[in-house]
Structure formats: C-alpha cells, structure tokens
C-alpha cells in the first residue's frame, strides 16, 4: 500500500455485494465512502466498518444525477481524502418481457447502471489522474450474456463491459486500471426479491441455481468482494480492461 491510506468509493453499498465490498476494502486498510440513494441506509455498513476498526463515511446520492454525484465525490475528497479507488456497484432491477417493458423500466435501469458508472467515473478519475494511480471496478453480470425478461439489465451490464474496456485504454497511461466483475447467482436481497416475484421459495430458488453451477453452491457477496479486493490492490497494476466472471464456473 502507499504511505497514505487509499480512499475508496463504493456505490450501492448499503447492503449485499456493495456492503461486503466496502467492508473488505476497509479491512484492506482503505478509508471507504459508503454511497447509497439515502444516506440513512448506509449506517449499518458504516457502523460495521467502524466496529472492525476501519474508517468510513456514509454518503447519500442518486448515482444518475450529475450534481449529486459531483457533490458526493467532492465531499469524499474533503472528508476522507482524494478517492483513488471506485467501485461502481449501484444497481436496480426492472425485469419484464420485452413486449411489457415500459420506457421507465428501460430508462431507470440504464440510468443507474450505465449513467451512474459514467458519472462517478468521470468525477473520480481526475483525482486518480492527478496522483498517477487509480482503480475502477465496474459491476457487470452474467446477465450480460443474455437473460430472459432482462433486456434492459442485460443491455446495461453488457454496456458496462464495453465501458470498462474503453476506460482501460483511455486511463491506462495515467496509472489507472479499469476492470469489471461479472457475478453469477449471488445470495442477496435482490435475488430474494426475484424469487418472490416468481412466487418461488427462496431456499428452493437457491437449490435450483446451485444445481446448475459447477461448484454446486450459490455465490455469496463476499465471493465478489474478494475479487474486487484483488483488482483494487497494488498488485493488480498489470490487470486492466478485463471482465472476470465470479460465477462458480466458466463463462464466455
């Protein structure tokens, strides 16, 4: 690590993969900005980091709103220090078959996933470029390969892969790496909500998913957080523009 502790921003960090990632980066010695749509929602993650001896700041921001994003990054820089690690994890689902999907279903998913990653990356990269060091990790998904009822989500997650590879080319000369992590089936509130919408018992939902996964178990948020931890580390400086599937088996 550098002499000064790194400062990380993790969006969508109130729960699930984001919360696990924030706690893992804090355990790695980073000060962490825990960002979510409502600042109050970040309290549990912030308190958990503090209880473990880490340093964290809860920040409320709509990731699709430029003014809120720029204000959030400025606040982080002022209170924790210049952010040089960014994890674009914020996400929502608006699943529906194409013929039922509304403009709002499409725009909301694109706004949070793609516009959110764009705005936070744009706001944070200047701190990284100034310091000639940075790490950006974008959360894609196995759904980027196609998934029934998720035309919006799949398109957004596939778009993040192209976004990742382009930023890796643009920011690489400034010491900034950009990678994507694409989780498979992870046990989170989001997958529980999917099971509920399908009117399927969540335990049965997990068992069915595990039967299709080579390692024969569903993923946990910590599985994704460990991978992000590596990509955000000093030692990952020669890994950039990659999409790593954290899915318990091979993916395209």
Protein backbone atom coordinates (compact mmCIF):
# COMPACT_ATOMS: atom_id res chain seq x y z
CA UNK A 1 0.00 0.00 0.00
CA UNK A 2 1.02 3.64 -0.38
CA UNK A 3 2.17 5.67 2.63
CA UNK A 4 -1.22 7.39 2.78
CA UNK A 5 -4.25 5.12 3.16
CA UNK A 6 -6.17 4.79 -0.09
CA UNK A 7 -9.68 6.22 -0.23
CA UNK A 8 -12.36 4.13 -1.92
CA UNK A 9 -15.87 4.93 -3.06
CA UNK A 10 -18.35 2.04 -3.27
CA UNK A 11 -21.77 2.81 -4.71
CA UNK A 12 -24.86 0.83 -3.76
CA UNK A 13 -23.03 -0.11 -0.58
CA UNK A 14 -25.88 -0.19 1.94
CA UNK A 15 -26.33 -3.94 1.51
CA UNK A 16 -25.40 -7.03 -0.47
CA UNK A 17 -22.33 -7.03 -2.71
CA UNK A 18 -21.70 -3.33 -2.11
CA UNK A 19 -21.70 -3.67 1.67
CA UNK A 20 -19.44 -6.73 1.56
CA UNK A 21 -17.07 -4.87 -0.77
CA UNK A 22 -16.97 -1.78 1.43
CA UNK A 23 -16.14 -3.90 4.47
CA UNK A 24 -13.47 -5.83 2.57
CA UNK A 25 -11.75 -2.70 1.26
CA UNK A 26 -11.83 -1.24 4.76
CA UNK A 27 -10.21 -4.44 6.05
CA UNK A 28 -7.56 -3.92 3.36
CA UNK A 29 -6.72 -0.61 5.03
CA UNK A 30 -8.70 1.82 2.89
CA UNK A 31 -10.96 4.61 4.09
CA UNK A 32 -14.30 3.91 2.45
CA UNK A 33 -17.14 6.15 1.29
CA UNK A 34 -20.32 4.10 1.53
CA UNK A 35 -22.69 5.55 -1.08
CA UNK A 36 -26.36 4.77 -1.48
CA UNK A 37 -29.52 6.56 -2.58
CA UNK A 38 -30.29 7.57 1.03
CA UNK A 39 -27.53 8.38 3.49
CA UNK A 40 -29.53 6.84 6.35
CA UNK A 41 -29.40 3.48 4.58
CA UNK A 42 -25.59 3.43 4.78
CA UNK A 43 -25.49 3.46 8.58
CA UNK A 44 -25.33 -0.30 9.07
CA UNK A 45 -22.36 -0.68 6.73
CA UNK A 46 -20.58 2.36 8.15
CA UNK A 47 -21.10 1.14 11.71
CA UNK A 48 -19.84 -2.35 10.82
CA UNK A 49 -16.65 -0.88 9.35
CA UNK A 50 -16.15 1.31 12.42
CA UNK A 51 -16.72 -1.67 14.72
CA UNK A 52 -13.96 -3.50 12.87
CA UNK A 53 -11.59 -0.59 13.42
CA UNK A 54 -11.93 0.97 9.97
CA UNK A 55 -12.82 4.43 8.74
CA UNK A 56 -15.97 5.05 6.72
CA UNK A 57 -18.28 7.83 5.61
CA UNK A 58 -21.91 7.43 4.62
CA UNK A 59 -22.99 9.47 1.61
CA UNK A 60 -26.43 9.76 0.04
CA UNK A 61 -26.56 10.30 -3.71
CA UNK A 62 -28.63 9.42 -6.74
CA UNK A 63 -25.94 7.97 -9.00
CA UNK A 64 -27.84 9.05 -12.12
CA UNK A 65 -27.83 12.74 -11.12
CA UNK A 66 -24.69 14.66 -12.14
CA UNK A 67 -24.97 17.35 -9.47
CA UNK A 68 -25.43 14.81 -6.69
CA UNK A 69 -22.55 12.66 -7.93
CA UNK A 70 -20.16 15.60 -8.20
CA UNK A 71 -21.20 16.79 -4.73
CA UNK A 72 -20.68 13.30 -3.32
CA UNK A 73 -17.18 12.96 -4.77
CA UNK A 74 -16.25 16.45 -3.55
CA UNK A 75 -17.50 15.58 -0.06
CA UNK A 76 -15.48 12.36 -0.02
CA UNK A 77 -12.34 14.22 -1.11
CA UNK A 78 -12.91 16.83 1.58
CA UNK A 79 -13.69 14.47 4.47
CA UNK A 80 -11.71 11.31 3.70
CA UNK A 81 -9.17 12.38 1.11
CA UNK A 82 -8.84 12.08 -2.66
CA UNK A 83 -10.61 8.93 -3.88
CA UNK A 84 -8.36 6.71 -5.97
CA UNK A 85 -10.48 3.54 -5.85
CA UNK A 86 -14.00 3.45 -7.27
CA UNK A 87 -16.39 0.50 -7.30
CA UNK A 88 -19.45 1.17 -9.46
CA UNK A 89 -21.85 -1.30 -7.88
CA UNK A 90 -25.19 0.56 -7.65
CA UNK A 91 -27.92 -1.32 -9.45
CA UNK A 92 -31.66 -1.87 -9.76
CA UNK A 93 -33.94 -4.36 -11.45
CA UNK A 94 -36.99 -3.60 -13.56
CA UNK A 95 -37.48 -7.05 -15.10
CA UNK A 96 -40.10 -7.69 -17.73
CA UNK A 97 -40.51 -9.33 -21.09
CA UNK A 98 -39.80 -7.00 -24.00
CA UNK A 99 -43.42 -6.53 -25.04
CA UNK A 100 -44.34 -5.49 -21.48
CA UNK A 101 -41.30 -3.33 -20.74
CA UNK A 102 -42.03 0.37 -20.30
CA UNK A 103 -39.87 3.36 -21.11
CA UNK A 104 -39.47 3.89 -17.38
CA UNK A 105 -38.32 0.27 -16.89
CA UNK A 106 -35.64 0.81 -19.53
CA UNK A 107 -34.56 4.31 -18.55
CA UNK A 108 -34.31 3.59 -14.83
CA UNK A 109 -32.01 0.60 -15.33
CA UNK A 110 -29.84 2.44 -17.86
CA UNK A 111 -29.69 5.50 -15.63
CA UNK A 112 -28.49 3.69 -12.53
CA UNK A 113 -26.12 1.18 -14.14
CA UNK A 114 -24.65 2.97 -17.14
CA UNK A 115 -25.14 6.67 -16.44
CA UNK A 116 -24.23 6.11 -12.79
CA UNK A 117 -20.95 4.41 -13.67
CA UNK A 118 -20.21 7.12 -16.24
CA UNK A 119 -20.85 10.00 -13.84
CA UNK A 120 -18.94 8.55 -10.89
CA UNK A 121 -16.01 7.50 -13.08
CA UNK A 122 -15.86 10.93 -14.68
CA UNK A 123 -15.95 12.70 -11.30
CA UNK A 124 -13.42 10.40 -9.59
CA UNK A 125 -10.91 9.93 -12.39
CA UNK A 126 -9.47 13.44 -12.03
CA UNK A 127 -8.24 12.55 -8.54
CA UNK A 128 -6.67 9.37 -9.90
CA UNK A 129 -5.03 11.07 -12.88
CA UNK A 130 -3.56 13.78 -10.64
CA UNK A 131 -1.96 11.09 -8.47
CA UNK A 132 -0.95 8.81 -11.36
CA UNK A 133 -2.68 5.89 -9.60
CA UNK A 134 -6.21 4.59 -9.58
CA UNK A 135 -8.50 1.58 -9.67
CA UNK A 136 -12.01 1.46 -11.12
CA UNK A 137 -14.07 -1.72 -10.85
CA UNK A 138 -17.46 -1.91 -12.56
CA UNK A 139 -20.09 -4.49 -11.64
CA UNK A 140 -21.34 -6.32 -14.69
CA UNK A 141 -23.22 -9.64 -14.54
CA UNK A 142 -23.59 -13.00 -16.23
CA UNK A 143 -26.86 -11.48 -17.48
CA UNK A 144 -24.70 -9.53 -19.94
CA UNK A 145 -24.68 -12.79 -21.91
CA UNK A 146 -28.47 -12.66 -22.18
CA UNK A 147 -31.27 -13.49 -19.77
CA UNK A 148 -34.99 -13.83 -20.41
CA UNK A 149 -37.01 -10.92 -19.03
CA UNK A 150 -33.96 -8.71 -18.59
CA UNK A 151 -33.45 -6.90 -21.90
CA UNK A 152 -32.75 -3.67 -20.02
CA UNK A 153 -30.50 -5.17 -17.33
CA UNK A 154 -28.60 -7.37 -19.81
CA UNK A 155 -28.02 -4.44 -22.15
CA UNK A 156 -26.79 -2.26 -19.28
CA UNK A 157 -24.45 -4.94 -17.94
CA UNK A 158 -23.07 -5.66 -21.42
CA UNK A 159 -22.63 -1.92 -21.91
CA UNK A 160 -20.56 -1.75 -18.75
CA UNK A 161 -18.15 -4.25 -20.25
CA UNK A 162 -17.56 -2.02 -23.26
CA UNK A 163 -17.31 1.00 -20.97
CA UNK A 164 -14.71 -0.84 -18.88
CA UNK A 165 -12.51 -1.74 -21.83
CA UNK A 166 -12.65 1.79 -23.22
CA UNK A 167 -11.74 3.44 -19.92
CA UNK A 168 -8.87 0.98 -19.52
CA UNK A 169 -7.44 2.28 -22.81
CA UNK A 170 -8.04 5.96 -22.00
CA UNK A 171 -6.86 5.95 -18.38
CA UNK A 172 -4.08 3.37 -18.54
CA UNK A 173 -1.36 5.92 -19.42
CA UNK A 174 -2.15 7.70 -16.13
CA UNK A 175 -1.63 4.67 -13.91
CA UNK A 176 -5.34 3.87 -13.65
CA UNK A 177 -6.62 0.34 -14.21
CA UNK A 178 -10.26 -0.37 -15.06
CA UNK A 179 -11.82 -3.82 -14.78
CA UNK A 180 -15.24 -5.39 -14.47
CA UNK A 181 -16.53 -8.18 -12.27
CA UNK A 182 -19.50 -10.18 -13.54
CA UNK A 183 -21.21 -12.10 -10.74
CA UNK A 184 -23.42 -15.10 -11.36
CA UNK A 185 -26.08 -16.18 -8.88
CA UNK A 186 -25.32 -14.38 -5.60
CA UNK A 187 -27.49 -14.66 -2.49
CA UNK A 188 -28.64 -11.09 -1.90
CA UNK A 189 -31.82 -9.13 -1.23
CA UNK A 190 -32.05 -8.62 -4.99
CA UNK A 191 -32.12 -12.34 -5.79
CA UNK A 192 -34.56 -12.88 -2.92
CA UNK A 193 -36.83 -10.26 -4.47
CA UNK A 194 -36.58 -12.05 -7.82
CA UNK A 195 -37.67 -15.31 -6.19
CA UNK A 196 -40.58 -13.51 -4.52
CA UNK A 197 -41.72 -12.03 -7.85
CA UNK A 198 -41.62 -15.52 -9.34
CA UNK A 199 -43.55 -16.83 -6.32
CA UNK A 200 -40.79 -19.35 -5.61
CA UNK A 201 -39.46 -20.22 -2.15
CA UNK A 202 -36.02 -18.59 -1.83
CA UNK A 203 -34.39 -21.74 -0.45
CA UNK A 204 -35.70 -23.73 -3.40
CA UNK A 205 -34.59 -20.95 -5.73
CA UNK A 206 -31.04 -21.23 -4.36
CA UNK A 207 -31.01 -25.03 -4.62
CA UNK A 208 -32.14 -24.91 -8.24
CA UNK A 209 -29.46 -22.34 -9.05
CA UNK A 210 -26.75 -24.34 -7.27
CA UNK A 211 -27.58 -27.45 -9.30
CA UNK A 212 -26.64 -25.52 -12.46
CA UNK A 213 -23.35 -24.15 -11.08
CA UNK A 214 -20.19 -26.30 -11.46
CA UNK A 215 -19.05 -25.69 -7.87
CA UNK A 216 -22.57 -26.68 -6.73
CA UNK A 217 -23.31 -23.73 -4.49
CA UNK A 218 -24.70 -20.23 -4.91
CA UNK A 219 -22.33 -17.31 -4.55
CA UNK A 220 -22.10 -15.00 -1.57
CA UNK A 221 -21.41 -11.26 -1.58
CA UNK A 222 -18.02 -11.99 -0.03
CA UNK A 223 -17.04 -14.05 -3.10
CA UNK A 224 -17.40 -10.95 -5.24
CA UNK A 225 -15.78 -8.68 -2.64
CA UNK A 226 -12.62 -10.82 -2.57
CA UNK A 227 -12.23 -10.47 -6.34
CA UNK A 228 -12.78 -6.71 -6.20
CA UNK A 229 -10.22 -6.51 -3.40
CA UNK A 230 -7.58 -8.01 -5.69
CA UNK A 231 -8.46 -5.72 -8.60
CA UNK A 232 -8.23 -2.69 -6.29
CA UNK A 233 -4.87 -3.72 -4.89
CA UNK A 234 -1.35 -2.53 -5.64
CA UNK A 235 -0.57 -5.97 -7.00
CA UNK A 236 -3.18 -5.79 -9.76
CA UNK A 237 -1.44 -2.98 -11.62
CA UNK A 238 -0.91 -5.06 -14.78
CA UNK A 239 -4.52 -6.26 -14.96
CA UNK A 240 -6.77 -3.87 -16.87
CA UNK A 241 -9.67 -3.99 -19.28
CA UNK A 242 -10.71 -7.43 -18.06
CA UNK A 243 -14.11 -8.93 -17.26
CA UNK A 244 -13.85 -11.54 -14.51
CA UNK A 245 -16.85 -13.82 -14.09
CA UNK A 246 -17.42 -14.70 -10.44
CA UNK A 247 -19.96 -17.37 -11.17
CA UNK A 248 -18.70 -20.71 -9.89
CA UNK A 249 -17.77 -21.89 -13.38
CA UNK A 250 -16.63 -20.75 -16.82
CA UNK A 251 -18.42 -18.09 -18.79
CA UNK A 252 -17.80 -16.61 -22.24
